Every structure is written in structure tokens, then in C-alpha cells.
C-alpha atoms as a PDB file:
ATOM      1  CA  MET A   1      73.160 -19.752  66.381  1.00  0.00           C
ATOM      2  CA  ARG A   2      74.164 -22.643  64.371  1.00  0.00           C
ATOM      3  CA  ILE A   3      74.833 -19.835  61.606  1.00  0.00           C
ATOM      4  CA  HIS A   4      77.293 -18.349  64.225  1.00  0.00           C
ATOM      5  CA  GLN A   5      78.705 -21.466  65.093  1.00  0.00           C
ATOM      6  CA  ASN A   6      79.654 -22.146  61.497  1.00  0.00           C
ATOM      7  CA  ILE A   7      81.162 -18.475  60.573  1.00  0.00           C
ATOM      8  CA  LEU A   8      83.253 -19.043  64.237  1.00  0.00           C
ATOM      9  CA  ALA A   9      84.797 -22.162  62.529  1.00  0.00           C
ATOM     10  CA  LEU A  10      85.533 -20.672  59.042  1.00  0.00           C
ATOM     11  CA  LEU A  11      87.472 -17.853  61.017  1.00  0.00           C
ATOM     12  CA  ILE A  12      89.327 -20.225  63.315  1.00  0.00           C
ATOM     13  CA  ALA A  13      89.995 -22.105  59.945  1.00  0.00           C
ATOM     14  CA  VAL A  14      91.279 -18.915  58.181  1.00  0.00           C
ATOM     15  CA  VAL A  15      93.557 -17.645  61.121  1.00  0.00           C
ATOM     16  CA  ILE A  16      94.927 -21.201  61.387  1.00  0.00           C
ATOM     17  CA  CYS A  17      96.005 -21.573  57.610  1.00  0.00           C
ATOM     18  CA  SER A  18      96.895 -17.931  57.441  1.00  0.00           C
ATOM     19  CA  CYS A  19      99.593 -18.559  60.046  1.00  0.00           C
ATOM     20  CA  SER A  20     102.975 -18.803  58.391  1.00  0.00           C
ATOM     21  CA  HIS A  21     106.092 -20.361  59.818  1.00  0.00           C
ATOM     22  CA  LYS A  22     108.475 -18.217  57.586  1.00  0.00           C
ATOM     23  CA  THR A  23     110.324 -15.571  59.452  1.00  0.00           C
ATOM     24  CA  SER A  24     111.177 -12.520  58.092  1.00  0.00           C
ATOM     25  CA  LYS A  25     114.430 -10.488  58.228  1.00  0.00           C
ATOM     26  CA  ILE A  26     115.847  -7.062  57.744  1.00  0.00           C
ATOM     27  CA  GLY A  27     119.129  -6.540  56.470  1.00  0.00           C
ATOM     28  CA  VAL A  28     121.372  -3.719  56.951  1.00  0.00           C
ATOM     29  CA  GLN A  29     124.372  -2.922  55.056  1.00  0.00           C
ATOM     30  CA  PRO A  30     126.539  -0.532  55.605  1.00  0.00           C
ATOM     31  CA  PHE A  31     129.098   1.373  53.785  1.00  0.00           C
ATOM     32  CA  ILE A  32     132.699   1.026  54.180  1.00  0.00           C
ATOM     33  CA  GLY A  33     133.842   3.144  56.788  1.00  0.00           C
ATOM     34  CA  VAL A  34     130.326   3.337  59.053  1.00  0.00           C
ATOM     35  CA  ASP A  35     131.232   3.027  62.738  1.00  0.00           C
ATOM     36  CA  PRO A  36     130.080  -0.331  64.276  1.00  0.00           C
ATOM     37  CA  ILE A  37     128.618   1.302  66.840  1.00  0.00           C
ATOM     38  CA  ALA A  38     126.041   2.863  65.098  1.00  0.00           C
ATOM     39  CA  VAL A  39     125.263   0.041  62.957  1.00  0.00           C
ATOM     40  CA  GLU A  40     124.860  -2.166  65.945  1.00  0.00           C
ATOM     41  CA  THR A  41     122.837   0.877  67.254  1.00  0.00           C
ATOM     42  CA  ILE A  42     120.450   0.428  64.229  1.00  0.00           C
ATOM     43  CA  LYS A  43     120.149  -2.959  64.308  1.00  0.00           C
ATOM     44  CA  SER A  44     118.961  -3.285  67.904  1.00  0.00           C
ATOM     45  CA  ALA A  45     116.842  -0.309  66.907  1.00  0.00           C
ATOM     46  CA  LEU A  46     114.997  -2.435  64.361  1.00  0.00           C
ATOM     47  CA  ALA A  47     115.031  -5.837  66.381  1.00  0.00           C
ATOM     48  CA  ASP A  48     113.163  -3.810  69.140  1.00  0.00           C
ATOM     49  CA  VAL A  49     110.486  -1.692  67.355  1.00  0.00           C
ATOM     50  CA  TYR A  50     109.718  -4.272  64.537  1.00  0.00           C
ATOM     51  CA  TRP A  51     110.207  -7.491  66.678  1.00  0.00           C
ATOM     52  CA  ILE A  52     112.179  -9.212  63.804  1.00  0.00           C
ATOM     53  CA  GLU A  53     115.321 -10.751  62.922  1.00  0.00           C
ATOM     54  CA  VAL A  54     118.183  -8.072  61.862  1.00  0.00           C
ATOM     55  CA  VAL A  55     120.981  -9.333  60.251  1.00  0.00           C
ATOM     56  CA  VAL A  56     124.019  -6.928  58.988  1.00  0.00           C
ATOM     57  CA  LEU A  57     125.168  -7.686  55.566  1.00  0.00           C
ATOM     58  CA  PRO A  58     128.560  -7.184  54.564  1.00  0.00           C
ATOM     59  CA  GLU A  59     130.104  -3.671  54.125  1.00  0.00           C
ATOM     60  CA  ILE A  60     129.823  -2.102  50.637  1.00  0.00           C
ATOM     61  CA  GLU A  61     131.444   1.034  49.329  1.00  0.00           C
ATOM     62  CA  MET A  62     129.507   4.380  48.610  1.00  0.00           C
ATOM     63  CA  PRO A  63     127.748   3.912  44.963  1.00  0.00           C
ATOM     64  CA  ASP A  64     128.999   6.512  42.437  1.00  0.00           C
ATOM     65  CA  GLY A  65     126.565   9.004  41.740  1.00  0.00           C
ATOM     66  CA  SER A  66     125.640   8.728  45.482  1.00  0.00           C
ATOM     67  CA  PHE A  67     126.495  12.322  46.572  1.00  0.00           C
ATOM     68  CA  ILE A  68     123.962  14.945  44.783  1.00  0.00           C
ATOM     69  CA  ASN A  69     124.644  18.723  44.811  1.00  0.00           C
ATOM     70  CA  VAL A  70     121.042  19.687  43.953  1.00  0.00           C
ATOM     71  CA  LYS A  71     119.764  22.607  46.056  1.00  0.00           C
ATOM     72  CA  SER A  72     122.051  21.287  48.703  1.00  0.00           C
ATOM     73  CA  PRO A  73     124.764  19.078  48.885  1.00  0.00           C
ATOM     74  CA  ARG A  74     123.165  15.789  50.377  1.00  0.00           C
ATOM     75  CA  TYR A  75     123.592  11.697  49.485  1.00  0.00           C
ATOM     76  CA  ARG A  76     120.483   9.696  47.947  1.00  0.00           C
ATOM     77  CA  THR A  77     119.008   7.453  49.696  1.00  0.00           C
ATOM     78  CA  ILE A  78     119.221   3.624  48.148  1.00  0.00           C
ATOM     79  CA  ILE A  79     116.791   1.426  49.228  1.00  0.00           C
ATOM     80  CA  ARG A  80     116.701  -2.327  47.374  1.00  0.00           C
END
């Protein structure tokens, strides 16, 4: 019985020590000209699904080379 108490105490200590007070954030950076309502909808959906703070970053221009015409015309996804 004593071993179970020691294991339980160790597990509780690990859980307490592993809890971090750092907050995570998701950044959404829209391209210039994107509908602000769409950006707000995406921000709200991410916050609701992941329960995390979502920050809308300043708009940027669409990078050169993001449009490709291989197989079918489309834009590449940019993930950083």
C-alpha cells in the first residue's frame, strides 16, 4: 500500500510541475484585400475549437510565386 501512495505522490508532483503558465497563441495574417468579416470568422472559429488566444496580425501582400498553374490553377499554402 505504501508503494501505491509513493507512486501517486510522484504522479501528482509530475502533473503539478508539468503545468505551465505560459499561454499559447495562434497568429492569423491575412493578405491585403481579404474580407475583414472572413478574418473575424476564422479568428472566432479557431478560438472556439482550440480554446486558445488568436491574434490577427497586420495584412501583408500576396507573395510572388504563390500562384501555380500545374495541373490546375491554384494558390500554394504558406505555413510558417
